[in-house]
Amino acid sequence: MPKQKTHKGMKKRFKVTATGKIKHKSAFRGHILSSKSAKRKRGLRNDNVVVGAEAAIIRMGLAPGL
């Protein structure tokens, strides 16, 4: 059987913590930042945690590298 490959797009966007949680960067931080308030941009700096079925799908995509 061929080996299962890591999904390279997921590898670039998500990180698995030591406890198995999936972290990702916040969206809406790329450009057009002048129209966003400082409070909103400050909140978007933090990483978020993926939960539920989406986390399971991402974990499967990253599986060979875990």
N, C-alpha and C. Protein backbone atom coordinates (compact mmCIF):
# COMPACT_ATOMS: atom_id res chain seq x y z
N MET A 1 0.85 -1.20 0.00
CA MET A 1 0.00 0.00 0.00
C MET A 1 0.88 1.25 0.00
N PRO A 2 0.43 2.29 -0.70
CA PRO A 2 1.19 3.54 -0.66
C PRO A 2 1.03 4.24 0.69
N LYS A 3 1.99 5.06 0.99
CA LYS A 3 1.95 5.79 2.26
C LYS A 3 0.91 6.90 2.22
N GLN A 4 0.34 7.20 3.38
CA GLN A 4 -0.59 8.32 3.49
C GLN A 4 0.24 9.60 3.59
N LYS A 5 -0.14 10.62 2.82
CA LYS A 5 0.64 11.85 2.80
C LYS A 5 0.00 12.93 3.64
N THR A 6 0.84 13.79 4.21
CA THR A 6 0.38 14.96 4.94
C THR A 6 -0.19 15.97 3.96
N HIS A 7 -1.31 16.59 4.31
CA HIS A 7 -1.89 17.65 3.48
C HIS A 7 -1.06 18.91 3.69
N LYS A 8 -0.32 19.32 2.65
CA LYS A 8 0.66 20.39 2.79
C LYS A 8 0.01 21.74 3.10
N GLY A 9 -1.21 21.98 2.58
CA GLY A 9 -1.91 23.23 2.88
C GLY A 9 -2.27 23.31 4.35
N MET A 10 -2.69 22.18 4.93
CA MET A 10 -3.02 22.14 6.36
C MET A 10 -1.77 22.30 7.21
N LYS A 11 -0.68 21.72 6.74
CA LYS A 11 0.58 21.79 7.49
C LYS A 11 1.02 23.24 7.66
N LYS A 12 0.77 24.07 6.62
CA LYS A 12 1.17 25.47 6.66
C LYS A 12 0.25 26.32 7.53
N ARG A 13 -1.01 25.90 7.69
CA ARG A 13 -2.01 26.74 8.35
C ARG A 13 -2.33 26.35 9.78
N PHE A 14 -2.07 25.10 10.15
CA PHE A 14 -2.46 24.61 11.46
C PHE A 14 -1.28 24.03 12.22
N LYS A 15 -1.38 24.07 13.56
CA LYS A 15 -0.34 23.50 14.42
C LYS A 15 -1.02 22.68 15.50
N VAL A 16 -0.50 21.51 15.78
CA VAL A 16 -1.04 20.66 16.84
C VAL A 16 -0.23 20.90 18.10
N THR A 17 -0.92 21.23 19.20
CA THR A 17 -0.24 21.48 20.46
C THR A 17 0.15 20.16 21.12
N ALA A 18 0.88 20.23 22.21
CA ALA A 18 1.32 19.03 22.92
C ALA A 18 0.14 18.25 23.48
N THR A 19 -0.96 18.95 23.80
CA THR A 19 -2.15 18.27 24.34
C THR A 19 -3.09 17.80 23.24
N GLY A 20 -2.74 18.05 21.97
CA GLY A 20 -3.54 17.55 20.86
C GLY A 20 -4.55 18.53 20.30
N LYS A 21 -4.55 19.77 20.80
CA LYS A 21 -5.46 20.78 20.26
C LYS A 21 -4.89 21.33 18.95
N ILE A 22 -5.79 21.84 18.09
CA ILE A 22 -5.39 22.40 16.80
C ILE A 22 -5.46 23.91 16.88
N LYS A 23 -4.33 24.58 16.61
CA LYS A 23 -4.28 26.05 16.62
C LYS A 23 -4.20 26.59 15.21
N HIS A 24 -4.76 27.80 14.99
CA HIS A 24 -4.64 28.47 13.70
C HIS A 24 -4.63 29.97 13.91
N LYS A 25 -4.11 30.70 12.94
CA LYS A 25 -4.08 32.16 13.00
C LYS A 25 -5.46 32.70 12.65
N SER A 26 -5.76 33.89 13.15
CA SER A 26 -7.03 34.54 12.86
C SER A 26 -7.06 35.06 11.43
N ALA A 27 -8.24 35.04 10.84
CA ALA A 27 -8.43 35.60 9.50
C ALA A 27 -8.59 37.13 9.61
N PHE A 28 -8.65 37.81 8.48
CA PHE A 28 -8.89 39.25 8.39
C PHE A 28 -7.73 40.09 8.92
N ARG A 29 -6.50 39.56 8.85
CA ARG A 29 -5.33 40.31 9.30
C ARG A 29 -4.36 40.58 8.16
N GLY A 30 -4.74 40.24 6.93
CA GLY A 30 -3.81 40.32 5.81
C GLY A 30 -3.62 41.71 5.23
N HIS A 31 -4.74 42.41 5.00
CA HIS A 31 -4.66 43.72 4.34
C HIS A 31 -5.92 44.51 4.66
N ILE A 32 -5.97 45.74 4.18
CA ILE A 32 -7.06 46.69 4.46
C ILE A 32 -7.23 46.83 5.99
N LEU A 33 -6.12 47.08 6.67
CA LEU A 33 -6.16 47.17 8.13
C LEU A 33 -6.53 48.57 8.60
N SER A 34 -6.48 49.56 7.70
CA SER A 34 -6.77 50.94 8.12
C SER A 34 -8.23 51.13 8.50
N SER A 35 -9.12 50.32 7.93
CA SER A 35 -10.54 50.45 8.24
C SER A 35 -10.96 49.68 9.49
N LYS A 36 -10.03 48.90 10.06
CA LYS A 36 -10.34 48.11 11.25
C LYS A 36 -9.82 48.83 12.49
N SER A 37 -10.58 48.75 13.57
CA SER A 37 -10.20 49.43 14.80
C SER A 37 -8.99 48.74 15.45
N ALA A 38 -8.28 49.48 16.27
CA ALA A 38 -7.12 48.93 16.97
C ALA A 38 -7.53 47.77 17.87
N LYS A 39 -8.69 47.89 18.50
CA LYS A 39 -9.18 46.84 19.39
C LYS A 39 -9.43 45.55 18.61
N ARG A 40 -10.03 45.69 17.43
CA ARG A 40 -10.31 44.53 16.59
C ARG A 40 -9.02 43.86 16.12
N LYS A 41 -8.04 44.68 15.69
CA LYS A 41 -6.77 44.13 15.22
C LYS A 41 -6.01 43.45 16.35
N ARG A 42 -6.09 44.01 17.54
CA ARG A 42 -5.43 43.43 18.71
C ARG A 42 -6.01 42.05 19.01
N GLY A 43 -7.32 41.94 18.90
CA GLY A 43 -7.98 40.66 19.14
C GLY A 43 -7.63 39.61 18.10
N LEU A 44 -7.39 40.06 16.88
CA LEU A 44 -7.08 39.14 15.79
C LEU A 44 -5.64 38.65 15.83
N ARG A 45 -4.80 39.24 16.68
CA ARG A 45 -3.40 38.80 16.80
C ARG A 45 -3.30 37.40 17.38
N ASN A 46 -4.22 37.05 18.26
CA ASN A 46 -4.14 35.80 19.00
C ASN A 46 -4.49 34.60 18.11
N ASP A 47 -3.89 33.46 18.43
CA ASP A 47 -4.24 32.22 17.75
C ASP A 47 -5.56 31.70 18.31
N ASN A 48 -6.32 30.99 17.48
CA ASN A 48 -7.58 30.40 17.90
C ASN A 48 -7.45 28.88 17.89
N VAL A 49 -8.37 28.22 18.60
CA VAL A 49 -8.37 26.76 18.68
C VAL A 49 -9.56 26.24 17.89
N VAL A 50 -9.31 25.23 17.04
CA VAL A 50 -10.38 24.59 16.27
C VAL A 50 -10.99 23.50 17.14
N VAL A 51 -12.33 23.41 17.13
CA VAL A 51 -13.02 22.42 17.96
C VAL A 51 -13.97 21.58 17.10
N GLY A 52 -14.37 20.43 17.65
CA GLY A 52 -15.40 19.61 17.05
C GLY A 52 -14.95 18.81 15.84
N ALA A 53 -15.89 18.65 14.88
CA ALA A 53 -15.65 17.81 13.71
C ALA A 53 -14.54 18.38 12.84
N GLU A 54 -14.43 19.70 12.77
CA GLU A 54 -13.39 20.32 11.95
C GLU A 54 -12.00 19.95 12.46
N ALA A 55 -11.84 19.89 13.78
CA ALA A 55 -10.55 19.52 14.36
C ALA A 55 -10.18 18.09 13.98
N ALA A 56 -11.17 17.21 13.96
CA ALA A 56 -10.91 15.81 13.60
C ALA A 56 -10.46 15.70 12.15
N ILE A 57 -11.09 16.47 11.25
CA ILE A 57 -10.73 16.45 9.84
C ILE A 57 -9.31 16.95 9.65
N ILE A 58 -8.96 18.03 10.34
CA ILE A 58 -7.61 18.59 10.24
C ILE A 58 -6.58 17.62 10.80
N ARG A 59 -6.91 16.95 11.90
CA ARG A 59 -6.00 16.00 12.50
C ARG A 59 -5.73 14.84 11.54
N MET A 60 -6.75 14.42 10.78
CA MET A 60 -6.57 13.36 9.79
C MET A 60 -5.65 13.82 8.67
N GLY A 61 -5.77 15.08 8.24
CA GLY A 61 -4.93 15.61 7.19
C GLY A 61 -3.47 15.73 7.60
N LEU A 62 -3.25 15.95 8.90
CA LEU A 62 -1.90 16.09 9.43
C LEU A 62 -1.35 14.77 9.99
N ALA A 63 -2.14 13.70 9.93
CA ALA A 63 -1.86 12.46 10.62
C ALA A 63 -0.46 11.88 10.44
N PRO A 64 0.07 11.76 9.23
CA PRO A 64 1.38 11.11 9.10
C PRO A 64 2.50 11.87 9.81
N GLY A 65 2.37 13.16 9.94
CA GLY A 65 3.41 13.95 10.57
C GLY A 65 3.30 14.04 12.07
N LEU A 66 2.22 13.53 12.65
CA LEU A 66 2.01 13.65 14.10
C LEU A 66 2.86 12.67 14.87
